[in-house]
Amino acid sequence: TTGEMMLALPGRRFMVGLDPYFFYRGDPARYRLWFDLVRRPPPNPALVIQEAFASRYVLCESPLEEYQPLLRALLRDPGATLKGRSRLWMLFELGAR
């Protein structure tokens, strides 16, 4: 379903939109940061994402169990604002408050 988002939002860049292996090969340190952030997020994931990935938004598949720690942390983080939710996706804006 990520491909659908890439087509629907052609002006956006996606960090891990296709295959995480290519992300790993291109930047192993940032890949490891992303991997840990998804599974064991700090209390302020919005700030980490903004600083490490220069991102204003997080679009994440909400039904996947592996993303639940990050999604729960973003919901608690005052630096992240939930902008939309569907049965497949959650969209957060970072630093909007």
PDB file of N, CA and C in Angstrom:
ATOM      1  N   THR A   1       0.803  -1.209   0.000  1.00  0.00           N
ATOM      2  CA  THR A   1       0.000   0.000   0.000  1.00  0.00           C
ATOM      3  C   THR A   1       0.845   1.272   0.000  1.00  0.00           C
ATOM      4  N   THR A   2       2.130   1.154   0.295  1.00  0.00           N
ATOM      5  CA  THR A   2       2.993   2.340   0.267  1.00  0.00           C
ATOM      6  C   THR A   2       3.059   2.925  -1.129  1.00  0.00           C
ATOM      7  N   GLY A   3       3.058   2.077  -2.148  1.00  0.00           N
ATOM      8  CA  GLY A   3       3.085   2.567  -3.520  1.00  0.00           C
ATOM      9  C   GLY A   3       1.900   3.459  -3.830  1.00  0.00           C
ATOM     10  N   GLU A   4       0.738   3.130  -3.283  1.00  0.00           N
ATOM     11  CA  GLU A   4      -0.442   3.971  -3.471  1.00  0.00           C
ATOM     12  C   GLU A   4      -0.225   5.360  -2.886  1.00  0.00           C
ATOM     13  N   MET A   5       0.394   5.424  -1.715  1.00  0.00           N
ATOM     14  CA  MET A   5       0.683   6.721  -1.106  1.00  0.00           C
ATOM     15  C   MET A   5       1.705   7.494  -1.931  1.00  0.00           C
ATOM     16  N   MET A   6       2.682   6.800  -2.463  1.00  0.00           N
ATOM     17  CA  MET A   6       3.698   7.476  -3.278  1.00  0.00           C
ATOM     18  C   MET A   6       3.066   8.075  -4.532  1.00  0.00           C
ATOM     19  N   LEU A   7       2.094   7.379  -5.106  1.00  0.00           N
ATOM     20  CA  LEU A   7       1.404   7.911  -6.278  1.00  0.00           C
ATOM     21  C   LEU A   7       0.464   9.050  -5.901  1.00  0.00           C
ATOM     22  N   ALA A   8      -0.180   8.937  -4.756  1.00  0.00           N
ATOM     23  CA  ALA A   8      -1.136   9.958  -4.327  1.00  0.00           C
ATOM     24  C   ALA A   8      -0.439  11.238  -3.868  1.00  0.00           C
ATOM     25  N   LEU A   9       0.806  11.121  -3.437  1.00  0.00           N
ATOM     26  CA  LEU A   9       1.556  12.267  -2.913  1.00  0.00           C
ATOM     27  C   LEU A   9       2.870  12.422  -3.679  1.00  0.00           C
ATOM     28  N   PRO A  10       2.808  12.759  -4.956  1.00  0.00           N
ATOM     29  CA  PRO A  10       4.016  12.753  -5.787  1.00  0.00           C
ATOM     30  C   PRO A  10       5.083  13.762  -5.371  1.00  0.00           C
ATOM     31  N   GLY A  11       4.728  14.797  -4.661  1.00  0.00           N
ATOM     32  CA  GLY A  11       5.718  15.790  -4.260  1.00  0.00           C
ATOM     33  C   GLY A  11       6.436  15.447  -2.966  1.00  0.00           C
ATOM     34  N   ARG A  12       6.118  14.336  -2.373  1.00  0.00           N
ATOM     35  CA  ARG A  12       6.710  13.947  -1.085  1.00  0.00           C
ATOM     36  C   ARG A  12       7.841  12.953  -1.296  1.00  0.00           C
ATOM     37  N   ARG A  13       8.754  12.942  -0.327  1.00  0.00           N
ATOM     38  CA  ARG A  13       9.825  11.942  -0.326  1.00  0.00           C
ATOM     39  C   ARG A  13       9.503  10.920   0.757  1.00  0.00           C
ATOM     40  N   PHE A  14       9.766   9.673   0.479  1.00  0.00           N
ATOM     41  CA  PHE A  14       9.485   8.602   1.427  1.00  0.00           C
ATOM     42  C   PHE A  14      10.803   7.959   1.845  1.00  0.00           C
ATOM     43  N   MET A  15      11.016   7.878   3.146  1.00  0.00           N
ATOM     44  CA  MET A  15      12.282   7.378   3.660  1.00  0.00           C
ATOM     45  C   MET A  15      12.422   5.875   3.467  1.00  0.00           C
ATOM     46  N   VAL A  16      11.413   5.121   3.795  1.00  0.00           N
ATOM     47  CA  VAL A  16      11.468   3.664   3.681  1.00  0.00           C
ATOM     48  C   VAL A  16      10.233   3.220   2.923  1.00  0.00           C
ATOM     49  N   GLY A  17      10.077   3.718   1.718  1.00  0.00           N
ATOM     50  CA  GLY A  17       8.873   3.439   0.956  1.00  0.00           C
ATOM     51  C   GLY A  17       8.906   2.157   0.181  1.00  0.00           C
ATOM     52  N   LEU A  18      10.052   1.668  -0.195  1.00  0.00           N
ATOM     53  CA  LEU A  18      10.104   0.473  -1.029  1.00  0.00           C
ATOM     54  C   LEU A  18      10.699  -0.681  -0.252  1.00  0.00           C
ATOM     55  N   ASP A  19      11.988  -0.761  -0.176  1.00  0.00           N
ATOM     56  CA  ASP A  19      12.639  -1.887   0.470  1.00  0.00           C
ATOM     57  C   ASP A  19      13.632  -1.356   1.498  1.00  0.00           C
ATOM     58  N   PRO A  20      13.452  -1.670   2.770  1.00  0.00           N
ATOM     59  CA  PRO A  20      14.391  -1.186   3.782  1.00  0.00           C
ATOM     60  C   PRO A  20      15.840  -1.584   3.492  1.00  0.00           C
ATOM     61  N   TYR A  21      16.049  -2.643   2.732  1.00  0.00           N
ATOM     62  CA  TYR A  21      17.418  -3.053   2.405  1.00  0.00           C
ATOM     63  C   TYR A  21      18.170  -1.932   1.683  1.00  0.00           C
ATOM     64  N   PHE A  22      17.504  -1.238   0.778  1.00  0.00           N
ATOM     65  CA  PHE A  22      18.161  -0.153   0.056  1.00  0.00           C
ATOM     66  C   PHE A  22      18.493   1.002   1.007  1.00  0.00           C
ATOM     67  N   PHE A  23      17.623   1.252   1.959  1.00  0.00           N
ATOM     68  CA  PHE A  23      17.884   2.259   2.980  1.00  0.00           C
ATOM     69  C   PHE A  23      19.125   1.858   3.772  1.00  0.00           C
ATOM     70  N   TYR A  24      19.182   0.596   4.180  1.00  0.00           N
ATOM     71  CA  TYR A  24      20.331   0.095   4.940  1.00  0.00           C
ATOM     72  C   TYR A  24      21.631   0.246   4.145  1.00  0.00           C
ATOM     73  N   ARG A  25      21.604  -0.130   2.896  1.00  0.00           N
ATOM     74  CA  ARG A  25      22.811  -0.046   2.058  1.00  0.00           C
ATOM     75  C   ARG A  25      23.248   1.403   1.849  1.00  0.00           C
ATOM     76  N   GLY A  26      22.291   2.308   1.765  1.00  0.00           N
ATOM     77  CA  GLY A  26      22.622   3.701   1.521  1.00  0.00           C
ATOM     78  C   GLY A  26      23.123   4.442   2.747  1.00  0.00           C
ATOM     79  N   ASP A  27      22.636   4.079   3.929  1.00  0.00           N
ATOM     80  CA  ASP A  27      23.015   4.783   5.151  1.00  0.00           C
ATOM     81  C   ASP A  27      22.780   3.869   6.357  1.00  0.00           C
ATOM     82  N   PRO A  28      23.726   2.961   6.622  1.00  0.00           N
ATOM     83  CA  PRO A  28      23.530   1.975   7.696  1.00  0.00           C
ATOM     84  C   PRO A  28      23.259   2.598   9.069  1.00  0.00           C
ATOM     85  N   ALA A  29      23.893   3.709   9.386  1.00  0.00           N
ATOM     86  CA  ALA A  29      23.699   4.318  10.706  1.00  0.00           C
ATOM     87  C   ALA A  29      22.276   4.855  10.860  1.00  0.00           C
ATOM     88  N   ARG A  30      21.779   5.550   9.856  1.00  0.00           N
ATOM     89  CA  ARG A  30      20.407   6.063   9.937  1.00  0.00           C
ATOM     90  C   ARG A  30      19.390   4.924   9.858  1.00  0.00           C
ATOM     91  N   TYR A  31      19.706   3.875   9.117  1.00  0.00           N
ATOM     92  CA  TYR A  31      18.813   2.711   9.089  1.00  0.00           C
ATOM     93  C   TYR A  31      18.677   2.132  10.496  1.00  0.00           C
ATOM     94  N   ARG A  32      19.810   1.959  11.196  1.00  0.00           N
ATOM     95  CA  ARG A  32      19.760   1.400  12.551  1.00  0.00           C
ATOM     96  C   ARG A  32      18.967   2.322  13.484  1.00  0.00           C
ATOM     97  N   LEU A  33      19.152   3.639  13.330  1.00  0.00           N
ATOM     98  CA  LEU A  33      18.380   4.584  14.132  1.00  0.00           C
ATOM     99  C   LEU A  33      16.888   4.410  13.856  1.00  0.00           C
ATOM    100  N   TRP A  34      16.508   4.342  12.582  1.00  0.00           N
ATOM    101  CA  TRP A  34      15.103   4.133  12.215  1.00  0.00           C
ATOM    102  C   TRP A  34      14.583   2.818  12.793  1.00  0.00           C
ATOM    103  N   PHE A  35      15.346   1.740  12.640  1.00  0.00           N
ATOM    104  CA  PHE A  35      14.939   0.419  13.128  1.00  0.00           C
ATOM    105  C   PHE A  35      14.670   0.464  14.631  1.00  0.00           C
ATOM    106  N   ASP A  36      15.593   1.066  15.388  1.00  0.00           N
ATOM    107  CA  ASP A  36      15.416   1.154  16.843  1.00  0.00           C
ATOM    108  C   ASP A  36      14.282   2.106  17.219  1.00  0.00           C
ATOM    109  N   LEU A  37      14.149   3.192  16.479  1.00  0.00           N
ATOM    110  CA  LEU A  37      13.101   4.168  16.746  1.00  0.00           C
ATOM    111  C   LEU A  37      11.714   3.547  16.603  1.00  0.00           C
ATOM    112  N   VAL A  38      11.546   2.704  15.616  1.00  0.00           N
ATOM    113  CA  VAL A  38      10.258   2.051  15.387  1.00  0.00           C
ATOM    114  C   VAL A  38       9.935   1.064  16.504  1.00  0.00           C
ATOM    115  N   ARG A  39      10.911   0.323  16.968  1.00  0.00           N
ATOM    116  CA  ARG A  39      10.663  -0.745  17.931  1.00  0.00           C
ATOM    117  C   ARG A  39      10.794  -0.307  19.388  1.00  0.00           C
ATOM    118  N   ARG A  40      11.730   0.633  19.653  1.00  0.00           N
ATOM    119  CA  ARG A  40      11.971   1.100  21.022  1.00  0.00           C
ATOM    120  C   ARG A  40      12.107   2.630  21.006  1.00  0.00           C
ATOM    121  N   PRO A  41      11.012   3.336  20.753  1.00  0.00           N
ATOM    122  CA  PRO A  41      11.099   4.788  20.619  1.00  0.00           C
ATOM    123  C   PRO A  41      11.395   5.472  21.952  1.00  0.00           C
ATOM    124  N   PRO A  42      12.092   6.601  21.881  1.00  0.00           N
ATOM    125  CA  PRO A  42      12.302   7.398  23.087  1.00  0.00           C
ATOM    126  C   PRO A  42      11.009   8.135  23.437  1.00  0.00           C
ATOM    127  N   PRO A  43      10.972   8.821  24.572  1.00  0.00           N
ATOM    128  CA  PRO A  43       9.761   9.567  24.936  1.00  0.00           C
ATOM    129  C   PRO A  43       9.426  10.703  23.971  1.00  0.00           C
ATOM    130  N   ASN A  44      10.406  11.177  23.210  1.00  0.00           N
ATOM    131  CA  ASN A  44      10.199  12.300  22.290  1.00  0.00           C
ATOM    132  C   ASN A  44      10.557  11.926  20.855  1.00  0.00           C
ATOM    133  N   PRO A  45       9.857  10.961  20.263  1.00  0.00           N
ATOM    134  CA  PRO A  45      10.244  10.526  18.921  1.00  0.00           C
ATOM    135  C   PRO A  45      10.114  11.618  17.859  1.00  0.00           C
ATOM    136  N   ALA A  46       9.209  12.571  18.050  1.00  0.00           N
ATOM    137  CA  ALA A  46       9.030  13.630  17.046  1.00  0.00           C
ATOM    138  C   ALA A  46      10.322  14.424  16.877  1.00  0.00           C
ATOM    139  N   LEU A  47      10.950  14.796  17.964  1.00  0.00           N
ATOM    140  CA  LEU A  47      12.194  15.558  17.897  1.00  0.00           C
ATOM    141  C   LEU A  47      13.303  14.754  17.235  1.00  0.00           C
ATOM    142  N   VAL A  48      13.405  13.491  17.592  1.00  0.00           N
ATOM    143  CA  VAL A  48      14.431  12.625  16.990  1.00  0.00           C
ATOM    144  C   VAL A  48      14.208  12.509  15.484  1.00  0.00           C
ATOM    145  N   ILE A  49      12.978  12.306  15.069  1.00  0.00           N
ATOM    146  CA  ILE A  49      12.666  12.170  13.643  1.00  0.00           C
ATOM    147  C   ILE A  49      12.960  13.474  12.907  1.00  0.00           C
ATOM    148  N   GLN A  50      12.584  14.600  13.503  1.00  0.00           N
ATOM    149  CA  GLN A  50      12.853  15.889  12.864  1.00  0.00           C
ATOM    150  C   GLN A  50      14.351  16.116  12.698  1.00  0.00           C
ATOM    151  N   GLU A  51      15.117  15.859  13.743  1.00  0.00           N
ATOM    152  CA  GLU A  51      16.555  16.136  13.697  1.00  0.00           C
ATOM    153  C   GLU A  51      17.318  15.133  12.838  1.00  0.00           C
ATOM    154  N   ALA A  52      17.012  13.866  12.962  1.00  0.00           N
ATOM    155  CA  ALA A  52      17.788  12.839  12.254  1.00  0.00           C
ATOM    156  C   ALA A  52      17.383  12.671  10.801  1.00  0.00           C
ATOM    157  N   PHE A  53      16.098  12.947  10.490  1.00  0.00           N
ATOM    158  CA  PHE A  53      15.610  12.670   9.143  1.00  0.00           C
ATOM    159  C   PHE A  53      15.041  13.906   8.430  1.00  0.00           C
ATOM    160  N   ALA A  54      15.115  15.067   9.085  1.00  0.00           N
ATOM    161  CA  ALA A  54      14.613  16.321   8.510  1.00  0.00           C
ATOM    162  C   ALA A  54      13.188  16.148   7.975  1.00  0.00           C
ATOM    163  N   SER A  55      12.347  15.529   8.795  1.00  0.00           N
ATOM    164  CA  SER A  55      10.986  15.220   8.384  1.00  0.00           C
ATOM    165  C   SER A  55       9.980  16.065   9.144  1.00  0.00           C
ATOM    166  N   ARG A  56       8.944  16.501   8.451  1.00  0.00           N
ATOM    167  CA  ARG A  56       7.841  17.234   9.080  1.00  0.00           C
ATOM    168  C   ARG A  56       6.642  16.334   9.327  1.00  0.00           C
ATOM    169  N   TYR A  57       6.625  15.170   8.686  1.00  0.00           N
ATOM    170  CA  TYR A  57       5.475  14.274   8.786  1.00  0.00           C
ATOM    171  C   TYR A  57       5.926  12.833   8.985  1.00  0.00           C
ATOM    172  N   VAL A  58       5.069  12.055   9.627  1.00  0.00           N
ATOM    173  CA  VAL A  58       5.231  10.614   9.724  1.00  0.00           C
ATOM    174  C   VAL A  58       3.939   9.997   9.212  1.00  0.00           C
ATOM    175  N   LEU A  59       4.053   9.172   8.192  1.00  0.00           N
ATOM    176  CA  LEU A  59       2.931   8.408   7.651  1.00  0.00           C
ATOM    177  C   LEU A  59       3.266   6.946   7.879  1.00  0.00           C
ATOM    178  N   CYS A  60       2.444   6.263   8.651  1.00  0.00           N
ATOM    179  CA  CYS A  60       2.801   4.912   9.070  1.00  0.00           C
ATOM    180  C   CYS A  60       1.591   3.991   8.957  1.00  0.00           C
ATOM    181  N   GLU A  61       1.853   2.770   8.514  1.00  0.00           N
ATOM    182  CA  GLU A  61       0.786   1.765   8.450  1.00  0.00           C
ATOM    183  C   GLU A  61       0.383   1.403   9.873  1.00  0.00           C
ATOM    184  N   SER A  62      -0.854   1.687  10.225  1.00  0.00           N
ATOM    185  CA  SER A  62      -1.283   1.504  11.607  1.00  0.00           C
ATOM    186  C   SER A  62      -1.590   0.066  12.021  1.00  0.00           C
ATOM    187  N   PRO A  63      -1.997  -0.846  11.132  1.00  0.00           N
ATOM    188  CA  PRO A  63      -2.310  -2.189  11.626  1.00  0.00           C
ATOM    189  C   PRO A  63      -1.084  -3.057  11.944  1.00  0.00           C
ATOM    190  N   LEU A  64       0.101  -2.664  11.476  1.00  0.00           N
ATOM    191  CA  LEU A  64       1.274  -3.518  11.667  1.00  0.00           C
ATOM    192  C   LEU A  64       1.742  -3.481  13.121  1.00  0.00           C
ATOM    193  N   GLU A  65       1.830  -4.632  13.721  1.00  0.00           N
ATOM    194  CA  GLU A  65       2.211  -4.739  15.132  1.00  0.00           C
ATOM    195  C   GLU A  65       3.594  -4.134  15.396  1.00  0.00           C
ATOM    196  N   GLU A  66       4.525  -4.297  14.476  1.00  0.00           N
ATOM    197  CA  GLU A  66       5.883  -3.801  14.706  1.00  0.00           C
ATOM    198  C   GLU A  66       5.946  -2.281  14.826  1.00  0.00           C
ATOM    199  N   TYR A  67       4.937  -1.549  14.325  1.00  0.00           N
ATOM    200  CA  TYR A  67       4.933  -0.090  14.402  1.00  0.00           C
ATOM    201  C   TYR A  67       4.181   0.440  15.617  1.00  0.00           C
ATOM    202  N   GLN A  68       3.540  -0.416  16.387  1.00  0.00           N
ATOM    203  CA  GLN A  68       2.726   0.046  17.511  1.00  0.00           C
ATOM    204  C   GLN A  68       3.520   0.823  18.557  1.00  0.00           C
ATOM    205  N   PRO A  69       4.751   0.418  18.935  1.00  0.00           N
ATOM    206  CA  PRO A  69       5.485   1.227  19.916  1.00  0.00           C
ATOM    207  C   PRO A  69       5.704   2.668  19.435  1.00  0.00           C
ATOM    208  N   LEU A  70       6.076   2.843  18.176  1.00  0.00           N
ATOM    209  CA  LEU A  70       6.283   4.191  17.652  1.00  0.00           C
ATOM    210  C   LEU A  70       4.979   4.968  17.601  1.00  0.00           C
ATOM    211  N   LEU A  71       3.906   4.348  17.137  1.00  0.00           N
ATOM    212  CA  LEU A  71       2.624   5.048  17.053  1.00  0.00           C
ATOM    213  C   LEU A  71       2.130   5.474  18.435  1.00  0.00           C
ATOM    214  N   ARG A  72       2.265   4.608  19.424  1.00  0.00           N
ATOM    215  CA  ARG A  72       1.848   4.965  20.791  1.00  0.00           C
ATOM    216  C   ARG A  72       2.699   6.120  21.326  1.00  0.00           C
ATOM    217  N   ALA A  73       4.003   6.072  21.047  1.00  0.00           N
ATOM    218  CA  ALA A  73       4.890   7.143  21.513  1.00  0.00           C
ATOM    219  C   ALA A  73       4.558   8.468  20.830  1.00  0.00           C
ATOM    220  N   LEU A  74       4.253   8.429  19.534  1.00  0.00           N
ATOM    221  CA  LEU A  74       3.886   9.660  18.828  1.00  0.00           C
ATOM    222  C   LEU A  74       2.571  10.232  19.355  1.00  0.00           C
ATOM    223  N   LEU A  75       1.624   9.372  19.701  1.00  0.00           N
ATOM    224  CA  LEU A  75       0.352   9.849  20.257  1.00  0.00           C
ATOM    225  C   LEU A  75       0.550  10.562  21.595  1.00  0.00           C
ATOM    226  N   ARG A  76       1.560  10.160  22.362  1.00  0.00           N
ATOM    227  CA  ARG A  76       1.850  10.786  23.661  1.00  0.00           C
ATOM    228  C   ARG A  76       2.766  11.998  23.540  1.00  0.00           C
ATOM    229  N   ASP A  77       3.485  12.117  22.440  1.00  0.00           N
ATOM    230  CA  ASP A  77       4.500  13.153  22.277  1.00  0.00           C
ATOM    231  C   ASP A  77       3.846  14.505  21.978  1.00  0.00           C
ATOM    232  N   PRO A  78       4.076  15.536  22.812  1.00  0.00           N
ATOM    233  CA  PRO A  78       3.498  16.852  22.520  1.00  0.00           C
ATOM    234  C   PRO A  78       4.066  17.490  21.247  1.00  0.00           C
ATOM    235  N   GLY A  79       5.165  16.973  20.725  1.00  0.00           N
ATOM    236  CA  GLY A  79       5.748  17.490  19.491  1.00  0.00           C
ATOM    237  C   GLY A  79       5.152  16.875  18.241  1.00  0.00           C
ATOM    238  N   ALA A  80       4.178  15.989  18.391  1.00  0.00           N
ATOM    239  CA  ALA A  80       3.528  15.330  17.248  1.00  0.00           C
ATOM    240  C   ALA A  80       2.020  15.552  17.329  1.00  0.00           C
ATOM    241  N   THR A  81       1.434  15.859  16.192  1.00  0.00           N
ATOM    242  CA  THR A  81      -0.012  16.063  16.121  1.00  0.00           C
ATOM    243  C   THR A  81      -0.601  15.068  15.133  1.00  0.00           C
ATOM    244  N   LEU A  82      -1.558  14.284  15.587  1.00  0.00           N
ATOM    245  CA  LEU A  82      -2.246  13.354  14.690  1.00  0.00           C
ATOM    246  C   LEU A  82      -3.094  14.165  13.723  1.00  0.00           C
ATOM    247  N   LYS A  83      -2.817  14.044  12.434  1.00  0.00           N
ATOM    248  CA  LYS A  83      -3.525  14.811  11.409  1.00  0.00           C
ATOM    249  C   LYS A  83      -4.569  13.988  10.678  1.00  0.00           C
ATOM    250  N   GLY A  84      -4.441  12.677  10.721  1.00  0.00           N
ATOM    251  CA  GLY A  84      -5.408  11.831  10.041  1.00  0.00           C
ATOM    252  C   GLY A  84      -5.191  10.375  10.376  1.00  0.00           C
ATOM    253  N   ARG A  85      -6.304   9.643  10.291  1.00  0.00           N
ATOM    254  CA  ARG A  85      -6.249   8.209  10.609  1.00  0.00           C
ATOM    255  C   ARG A  85      -7.276   7.501   9.748  1.00  0.00           C
ATOM    256  N   SER A  86      -6.860   6.373   9.199  1.00  0.00           N
ATOM    257  CA  SER A  86      -7.777   5.493   8.485  1.00  0.00           C
ATOM    258  C   SER A  86      -7.541   4.086   9.017  1.00  0.00           C
ATOM    259  N   ARG A  87      -8.189   3.118   8.413  1.00  0.00           N
ATOM    260  CA  ARG A  87      -7.964   1.750   8.908  1.00  0.00           C
ATOM    261  C   ARG A  87      -6.566   1.249   8.568  1.00  0.00           C
ATOM    262  N   LEU A  88      -5.878   1.907   7.624  1.00  0.00           N
ATOM    263  CA  LEU A  88      -4.532   1.482   7.223  1.00  0.00           C
ATOM    264  C   LEU A  88      -3.411   2.425   7.634  1.00  0.00           C
ATOM    265  N   TRP A  89      -3.710   3.702   7.826  1.00  0.00           N
ATOM    266  CA  TRP A  89      -2.653   4.695   7.990  1.00  0.00           C
ATOM    267  C   TRP A  89      -2.907   5.614   9.168  1.00  0.00           C
ATOM    268  N   MET A  90      -1.795   6.127   9.721  1.00  0.00           N
ATOM    269  CA  MET A  90      -1.843   7.236  10.658  1.00  0.00           C
ATOM    270  C   MET A  90      -0.858   8.281  10.147  1.00  0.00           C
ATOM    271  N   LEU A  91      -1.292   9.536  10.135  1.00  0.00           N
ATOM    272  CA  LEU A  91      -0.453  10.640   9.671  1.00  0.00           C
ATOM    273  C   LEU A  91      -0.256  11.612  10.829  1.00  0.00           C
ATOM    274  N   PHE A  92       1.011  11.904  11.125  1.00  0.00           N
ATOM    275  CA  PHE A  92       1.369  12.856  12.169  1.00  0.00           C
ATOM    276  C   PHE A  92       2.132  14.011  11.545  1.00  0.00           C
ATOM    277  N   GLU A  93       1.861  15.207  12.043  1.00  0.00           N
ATOM    278  CA  GLU A  93       2.684  16.363  11.721  1.00  0.00           C
ATOM    279  C   GLU A  93       3.597  16.608  12.918  1.00  0.00           C
ATOM    280  N   LEU A  94       4.854  16.869  12.659  1.00  0.00           N
ATOM    281  CA  LEU A  94       5.832  17.037  13.718  1.00  0.00           C
ATOM    282  C   LEU A  94       6.136  18.512  13.945  1.00  0.00           C
ATOM    283  N   GLY A  95       6.230  18.909  15.201  1.00  0.00           N
ATOM    284  CA  GLY A  95       6.602  20.273  15.546  1.00  0.00           C
ATOM    285  C   GLY A  95       5.564  21.310  15.217  1.00  0.00           C
ATOM    286  N   ALA A  96       4.304  20.926  15.083  1.00  0.00           N
ATOM    287  CA  ALA A  96       3.250  21.854  14.668  1.00  0.00           C
ATOM    288  C   ALA A  96       2.644  22.622  15.831  1.00  0.00           C
ATOM    289  N   ARG A  97       2.941  22.252  17.047  1.00  0.00           N
ATOM    290  CA  ARG A  97       2.297  22.894  18.211  1.00  0.00           C
ATOM    291  C   ARG A  97       3.020  24.143  18.628  1.00  0.00           C
TER     292      ARG A  97
END
